[in-house]
């Protein structure tokens, strides 16, 4: 049980988010340090097999190099609120939310792609963010993730180009308001 840490605090056996059932046999649980190698592999394979539809091979190789510092990658996952989606007893996808309300990572194993798992992860993070009284969520969405986030109510704010490991990669800063709608309110702030 040593590696069972939930969001930088000891794991509690009855933690409320240990398993959240979802349609299609998907369940969510918090990231465990022992997940590190599996999530790195999902990160790399999602880039190699899914992102290649929108980016060149050279861009994908440069992007995947972000996981070369495996200890640093795992540390980032540990510092954030990271949820892991399980299906058929296997890790299918993960999402990582920074304390400032930024979705830092959202990756699905190619084996489980386009089955609604990333959508479910987004919905779970939105609920977590609302519970933490966050007013907005942000994401620097790859060209692959923009449609998914737009369907979840994220709005494009600005197009970005970043020079990463010798390649220019583009993404779009997207934002979603989590503030409750003040329907019919005439109060001004």
Protein backbone atom coordinates (compact mmCIF):
# COMPACT_ATOMS: atom_id res chain seq x y z
CA UNK A 1 0.00 0.00 0.00
CA UNK A 2 3.03 2.27 0.09
CA UNK A 3 2.43 3.62 -3.42
CA UNK A 4 -1.27 4.28 -2.83
CA UNK A 5 -1.22 8.05 -2.61
CA UNK A 6 -4.20 10.19 -3.58
CA UNK A 7 -3.40 13.75 -4.58
CA UNK A 8 -0.29 14.02 -2.39
CA UNK A 9 -1.97 12.68 0.74
CA UNK A 10 -2.41 9.19 2.14
CA UNK A 11 -4.87 6.94 0.39
CA UNK A 12 -8.06 6.31 2.34
CA UNK A 13 -9.73 2.94 1.66
CA UNK A 14 -13.18 4.49 1.21
CA UNK A 15 -12.06 7.50 -0.83
CA UNK A 16 -15.03 8.86 -2.77
CA UNK A 17 -13.39 8.75 -6.22
CA UNK A 18 -11.74 5.36 -6.00
CA UNK A 19 -14.13 3.85 -8.52
CA UNK A 20 -16.83 5.76 -10.37
CA UNK A 21 -18.79 3.42 -12.63
CA UNK A 22 -19.52 4.63 -16.13
CA UNK A 23 -21.38 3.25 -19.11
CA UNK A 24 -19.56 0.65 -21.17
CA UNK A 25 -17.59 -0.91 -18.32
CA UNK A 26 -15.39 2.16 -17.76
CA UNK A 27 -14.44 3.14 -14.23
CA UNK A 28 -12.31 5.97 -12.90
CA UNK A 29 -9.80 5.97 -10.11
CA UNK A 30 -7.02 8.25 -8.91
CA UNK A 31 -3.52 8.01 -10.33
CA UNK A 32 -1.10 5.80 -8.41
CA UNK A 33 2.67 6.14 -8.80
CA UNK A 34 2.73 2.52 -10.01
CA UNK A 35 0.69 3.70 -13.04
CA UNK A 36 3.59 5.82 -14.29
CA UNK A 37 5.08 3.48 -16.90
CA UNK A 38 1.64 2.59 -18.29
CA UNK A 39 0.62 6.24 -18.63
CA UNK A 40 3.89 7.11 -20.34
CA UNK A 41 3.23 4.32 -22.84
CA UNK A 42 -0.32 5.60 -23.44
CA UNK A 43 1.05 9.14 -23.92
CA UNK A 44 3.58 7.92 -26.49
CA UNK A 45 1.26 5.56 -28.35
CA UNK A 46 -1.57 8.12 -28.50
CA UNK A 47 0.80 10.58 -30.13
CA UNK A 48 2.22 7.96 -32.52
CA UNK A 49 -1.13 6.48 -33.56
CA UNK A 50 -3.76 9.19 -33.02
CA UNK A 51 -1.98 12.55 -33.25
CA UNK A 52 -0.30 11.43 -36.47
CA UNK A 53 -3.68 12.10 -38.13
CA UNK A 54 -3.18 15.84 -37.52
CA UNK A 55 0.58 16.30 -37.15
CA UNK A 56 3.64 15.22 -39.14
CA UNK A 57 5.81 12.30 -38.05
CA UNK A 58 8.57 14.74 -37.08
CA UNK A 59 6.17 16.79 -34.96
CA UNK A 60 4.88 13.66 -33.23
CA UNK A 61 8.41 12.48 -32.43
CA UNK A 62 9.25 15.90 -30.96
CA UNK A 63 6.03 15.92 -28.94
CA UNK A 64 6.57 12.40 -27.57
CA UNK A 65 10.01 13.42 -26.29
CA UNK A 66 8.21 15.21 -23.44
CA UNK A 67 8.08 11.81 -21.71
CA UNK A 68 11.81 11.10 -22.03
CA UNK A 69 12.27 12.42 -18.49
CA UNK A 70 10.11 9.62 -17.11
CA UNK A 71 10.62 10.60 -13.46
CA UNK A 72 9.65 14.20 -14.24
CA UNK A 73 6.60 13.07 -16.19
CA UNK A 74 5.44 10.88 -13.30
CA UNK A 75 6.13 13.68 -10.83
CA UNK A 76 3.91 16.02 -12.87
CA UNK A 77 1.12 13.45 -12.79
CA UNK A 78 1.55 13.12 -9.02
CA UNK A 79 1.43 16.88 -8.43
CA UNK A 80 -1.80 17.31 -10.39
CA UNK A 81 -5.22 15.75 -9.88
CA UNK A 82 -4.81 12.83 -12.26
CA UNK A 83 -7.62 10.39 -12.97
CA UNK A 84 -7.15 7.05 -14.67
CA UNK A 85 -9.88 5.38 -16.72
CA UNK A 86 -10.03 1.60 -16.57
CA UNK A 87 -11.81 -0.69 -19.03
CA UNK A 88 -11.74 -4.48 -19.10
CA UNK A 89 -9.15 -4.44 -16.31
CA UNK A 90 -6.75 -2.30 -18.32
CA UNK A 91 -5.72 1.34 -18.13
CA UNK A 92 -7.51 2.96 -21.07
CA UNK A 93 -6.89 6.70 -20.65
CA UNK A 94 -5.95 9.45 -18.23
CA UNK A 95 -6.52 13.13 -17.54
CA UNK A 96 -4.45 15.47 -15.40
CA UNK A 97 -5.78 18.73 -13.93
CA UNK A 98 -3.48 21.42 -12.58
CA UNK A 99 -4.41 23.42 -9.47
CA UNK A 100 -5.03 26.51 -11.63
CA UNK A 101 -7.81 24.76 -13.58
CA UNK A 102 -5.76 23.79 -16.62
CA UNK A 103 -6.19 20.35 -18.13
CA UNK A 104 -2.52 19.53 -18.59
CA UNK A 105 -2.83 16.07 -20.13
CA UNK A 106 -5.65 14.06 -21.70
CA UNK A 107 -4.60 10.89 -23.52
CA UNK A 108 -6.37 7.71 -24.55
CA UNK A 109 -4.76 4.44 -25.53
CA UNK A 110 -5.31 3.83 -29.25
CA UNK A 111 -6.90 0.49 -28.29
CA UNK A 112 -9.68 2.40 -26.49
CA UNK A 113 -9.88 5.51 -28.68
CA UNK A 114 -13.21 6.92 -29.83
CA UNK A 115 -15.26 5.00 -27.25
CA UNK A 116 -16.30 8.02 -25.16
CA UNK A 117 -13.66 7.48 -22.47
CA UNK A 118 -11.98 10.87 -22.91
CA UNK A 119 -15.42 12.50 -22.83
CA UNK A 120 -16.13 10.75 -19.54
CA UNK A 121 -12.79 11.85 -18.10
CA UNK A 122 -13.57 15.45 -19.07
CA UNK A 123 -16.97 15.24 -17.37
CA UNK A 124 -15.36 13.89 -14.20
CA UNK A 125 -12.75 16.68 -14.14
CA UNK A 126 -15.48 19.27 -14.67
CA UNK A 127 -17.31 17.93 -11.61
CA UNK A 128 -14.11 17.95 -9.57
CA UNK A 129 -13.34 21.52 -10.64
CA UNK A 130 -16.86 22.66 -9.74
CA UNK A 131 -16.49 20.98 -6.36
CA UNK A 132 -13.30 22.95 -5.85
CA UNK A 133 -15.17 26.17 -6.73
CA UNK A 134 -13.17 26.75 -9.92
CA UNK A 135 -14.92 29.16 -12.25
CA UNK A 136 -13.20 28.08 -15.47
CA UNK A 137 -11.31 25.22 -17.01
CA UNK A 138 -8.63 25.74 -19.64
CA UNK A 139 -6.76 23.47 -22.00
CA UNK A 140 -4.13 23.93 -24.68
CA UNK A 141 -5.91 21.53 -27.01
CA UNK A 142 -4.08 19.69 -29.73
CA UNK A 143 -5.73 19.65 -33.12
CA UNK A 144 -6.89 16.12 -32.19
CA UNK A 145 -8.65 17.22 -28.97
CA UNK A 146 -10.38 20.38 -30.16
CA UNK A 147 -13.58 18.71 -31.36
CA UNK A 148 -13.98 16.74 -28.13
CA UNK A 149 -13.48 19.83 -25.97
CA UNK A 150 -15.79 21.93 -28.15
CA UNK A 151 -18.51 19.30 -27.66
CA UNK A 152 -17.94 19.66 -23.89
CA UNK A 153 -18.54 23.43 -24.12
CA UNK A 154 -14.97 24.67 -24.37
CA UNK A 155 -14.55 27.78 -26.50
CA UNK A 156 -11.42 28.54 -28.58
CA UNK A 157 -9.58 31.58 -27.22
CA UNK A 158 -6.31 31.73 -29.16
CA UNK A 159 -4.19 29.70 -31.54
CA UNK A 160 -0.67 28.89 -30.33
CA UNK A 161 2.54 27.78 -31.99
CA UNK A 162 5.26 26.29 -29.83
CA UNK A 163 8.78 25.29 -30.79
CA UNK A 164 9.33 21.90 -29.12
CA UNK A 165 12.40 19.73 -29.64
CA UNK A 166 13.17 21.28 -33.02
CA UNK A 167 9.60 21.30 -34.36
CA UNK A 168 6.77 23.82 -34.45
CA UNK A 169 3.57 22.39 -32.97
CA UNK A 170 0.23 24.15 -32.92
CA UNK A 171 -2.59 23.97 -30.43
CA UNK A 172 -5.54 26.07 -29.37
CA UNK A 173 -6.11 27.58 -25.96
CA UNK A 174 -9.69 26.67 -25.06
CA UNK A 175 -11.73 27.66 -22.05
CA UNK A 176 -14.97 26.55 -20.43
CA UNK A 177 -16.94 28.55 -17.89
CA UNK A 178 -18.03 26.53 -14.88
CA UNK A 179 -19.84 29.43 -13.23
CA UNK A 180 -23.49 28.70 -12.55
CA UNK A 181 -25.74 30.44 -15.03
CA UNK A 182 -27.44 33.46 -13.51
CA UNK A 183 -30.58 33.03 -15.59
CA UNK A 184 -32.77 36.08 -15.40
CA UNK A 185 -30.36 37.85 -13.06
CA UNK A 186 -30.08 41.62 -13.42
CA UNK A 187 -27.35 41.99 -10.82
CA UNK A 188 -24.26 43.78 -12.12
CA UNK A 189 -20.79 43.18 -10.75
